[in-house]
Amino acid sequence: MTHLERIGGTLGGFLLATTSLTTRQFNCVVANEDAVIASITYTGSATNVIASHGLSGTTLKAGMVLFCPVDKTFSTITLTSGSVVIH
């Protein structure tokens, strides 16, 4: 997948508005409304990316975008509140 395809969300988007663990391959998180993310992990890793980047408990404002590094893919996400679109 090219960088432009990743940014453009060519794999489509998935609205997430639940606090249950969601398992899905994705490269980007867009806050649909103000949201707090409890955890995100990379494929093949159990490390909570949110905690390791010091973002635990931080509210992502609507429209804010988080990308994973080019050589990685996100595999799980758990919200505390709000909703996001993952792609």
C-alpha atoms as a PDB file:
ATOM      1  CA  MET A   1       0.000   0.000   0.000  1.00  0.00           C
ATOM      2  CA  THR A   2       1.401   3.405  -0.932  1.00  0.00           C
ATOM      3  CA  HIS A   3       1.554   6.343   1.489  1.00  0.00           C
ATOM      4  CA  LEU A   4      -1.170   8.130  -0.463  1.00  0.00           C
ATOM      5  CA  GLU A   5      -3.444   5.073  -0.304  1.00  0.00           C
ATOM      6  CA  ARG A   6      -2.950   4.898   3.476  1.00  0.00           C
ATOM      7  CA  ILE A   7      -3.758   8.571   3.980  1.00  0.00           C
ATOM      8  CA  GLY A   8      -6.715   8.391   1.588  1.00  0.00           C
ATOM      9  CA  GLY A   9      -8.279   5.457   3.424  1.00  0.00           C
ATOM     10  CA  THR A  10      -8.576   3.324   0.306  1.00  0.00           C
ATOM     11  CA  LEU A  11      -9.566   0.290   2.399  1.00  0.00           C
ATOM     12  CA  GLY A  12     -12.705   2.097   3.529  1.00  0.00           C
ATOM     13  CA  GLY A  13     -13.726   3.292   6.967  1.00  0.00           C
ATOM     14  CA  PHE A  14     -15.440   1.752   9.972  1.00  0.00           C
ATOM     15  CA  LEU A  15     -17.389   3.815  12.516  1.00  0.00           C
ATOM     16  CA  LEU A  16     -16.576   2.743  16.051  1.00  0.00           C
ATOM     17  CA  ALA A  17     -18.857   3.975  18.850  1.00  0.00           C
ATOM     18  CA  THR A  18     -18.518   1.210  21.442  1.00  0.00           C
ATOM     19  CA  THR A  19     -16.307   0.735  24.480  1.00  0.00           C
ATOM     20  CA  SER A  20     -15.775  -2.960  23.652  1.00  0.00           C
ATOM     21  CA  LEU A  21     -12.468  -4.219  22.286  1.00  0.00           C
ATOM     22  CA  THR A  22     -12.465  -4.043  18.468  1.00  0.00           C
ATOM     23  CA  THR A  23     -10.057  -6.178  16.449  1.00  0.00           C
ATOM     24  CA  ARG A  24      -9.502  -5.013  12.879  1.00  0.00           C
ATOM     25  CA  GLN A  25      -6.536  -4.066  10.668  1.00  0.00           C
ATOM     26  CA  PHE A  26      -6.341  -0.283  10.293  1.00  0.00           C
ATOM     27  CA  ASN A  27      -3.792   2.483   9.727  1.00  0.00           C
ATOM     28  CA  CYS A  28      -5.581   5.603  10.881  1.00  0.00           C
ATOM     29  CA  VAL A  29      -7.972   6.829  13.583  1.00  0.00           C
ATOM     30  CA  VAL A  30     -10.125   9.941  13.048  1.00  0.00           C
ATOM     31  CA  ALA A  31     -12.097  11.327  15.996  1.00  0.00           C
ATOM     32  CA  ASN A  32     -15.702  11.579  14.823  1.00  0.00           C
ATOM     33  CA  GLU A  33     -16.553  13.452  18.025  1.00  0.00           C
ATOM     34  CA  ASP A  34     -14.505  14.179  21.139  1.00  0.00           C
ATOM     35  CA  ALA A  35     -13.162  10.762  22.156  1.00  0.00           C
ATOM     36  CA  VAL A  36     -10.912   9.119  24.728  1.00  0.00           C
ATOM     37  CA  ILE A  37      -9.052   6.008  23.569  1.00  0.00           C
ATOM     38  CA  ALA A  38      -8.175   3.477  26.273  1.00  0.00           C
ATOM     39  CA  SER A  39      -5.821   1.443  24.095  1.00  0.00           C
ATOM     40  CA  ILE A  40      -4.525   0.748  20.605  1.00  0.00           C
ATOM     41  CA  THR A  41      -2.083  -2.030  19.732  1.00  0.00           C
ATOM     42  CA  TYR A  42       0.042  -2.773  16.683  1.00  0.00           C
ATOM     43  CA  THR A  43      -0.264  -6.090  14.856  1.00  0.00           C
ATOM     44  CA  GLY A  44       1.975  -8.600  16.635  1.00  0.00           C
ATOM     45  CA  SER A  45       2.393  -6.506  19.784  1.00  0.00           C
ATOM     46  CA  ALA A  46       0.548  -6.266  23.095  1.00  0.00           C
ATOM     47  CA  THR A  47       1.985  -2.817  23.915  1.00  0.00           C
ATOM     48  CA  ASN A  48      -0.640  -0.119  24.413  1.00  0.00           C
ATOM     49  CA  VAL A  49       0.413   2.603  21.969  1.00  0.00           C
ATOM     50  CA  ILE A  50      -1.772   5.199  23.744  1.00  0.00           C
ATOM     51  CA  ALA A  51      -0.041   4.621  27.103  1.00  0.00           C
ATOM     52  CA  SER A  52       3.451   4.402  25.602  1.00  0.00           C
ATOM     53  CA  HIS A  53       2.964   7.811  23.948  1.00  0.00           C
ATOM     54  CA  GLY A  54       1.641   9.429  27.133  1.00  0.00           C
ATOM     55  CA  LEU A  55      -1.895   9.881  25.800  1.00  0.00           C
ATOM     56  CA  SER A  56      -3.805   7.912  28.456  1.00  0.00           C
ATOM     57  CA  GLY A  57      -6.927   9.802  29.483  1.00  0.00           C
ATOM     58  CA  THR A  58      -6.371  12.471  26.824  1.00  0.00           C
ATOM     59  CA  THR A  59      -9.434  13.679  24.923  1.00  0.00           C
ATOM     60  CA  LEU A  60      -8.951  13.649  21.172  1.00  0.00           C
ATOM     61  CA  LYS A  61     -10.975  16.526  19.792  1.00  0.00           C
ATOM     62  CA  ALA A  62     -13.363  15.925  16.884  1.00  0.00           C
ATOM     63  CA  GLY A  63     -11.432  15.860  13.610  1.00  0.00           C
ATOM     64  CA  MET A  64      -8.096  14.910  15.178  1.00  0.00           C
ATOM     65  CA  VAL A  65      -6.218  12.201  13.251  1.00  0.00           C
ATOM     66  CA  LEU A  66      -3.757   9.560  14.495  1.00  0.00           C
ATOM     67  CA  PHE A  67      -1.668   7.576  11.997  1.00  0.00           C
ATOM     68  CA  CYS A  68       0.428   4.499  12.683  1.00  0.00           C
ATOM     69  CA  PRO A  69       4.022   4.366  11.402  1.00  0.00           C
ATOM     70  CA  VAL A  70       4.426   3.314   7.765  1.00  0.00           C
ATOM     71  CA  ASP A  71       5.999  -0.033   8.703  1.00  0.00           C
ATOM     72  CA  LYS A  72       3.221  -0.985  11.148  1.00  0.00           C
ATOM     73  CA  THR A  73      -0.536  -1.616  11.246  1.00  0.00           C
ATOM     74  CA  PHE A  74      -2.916  -1.105  14.154  1.00  0.00           C
ATOM     75  CA  SER A  75      -4.812  -4.258  15.148  1.00  0.00           C
ATOM     76  CA  THR A  76      -6.946  -3.453  18.201  1.00  0.00           C
ATOM     77  CA  ILE A  77      -8.648  -0.414  19.675  1.00  0.00           C
ATOM     78  CA  THR A  78     -10.743   0.183  22.786  1.00  0.00           C
ATOM     79  CA  LEU A  79     -12.556   3.462  23.400  1.00  0.00           C
ATOM     80  CA  THR A  80     -13.384   4.942  26.780  1.00  0.00           C
ATOM     81  CA  SER A  81     -15.844   7.442  25.299  1.00  0.00           C
ATOM     82  CA  GLY A  82     -16.872   9.152  22.067  1.00  0.00           C
ATOM     83  CA  SER A  83     -16.658   7.724  18.559  1.00  0.00           C
ATOM     84  CA  VAL A  84     -13.992   7.384  15.892  1.00  0.00           C
ATOM     85  CA  VAL A  85     -13.661   6.250  12.292  1.00  0.00           C
ATOM     86  CA  ILE A  86     -10.855   3.759  11.682  1.00  0.00           C
ATOM     87  CA  HIS A  87      -9.417   3.009   8.253  1.00  0.00           C
END
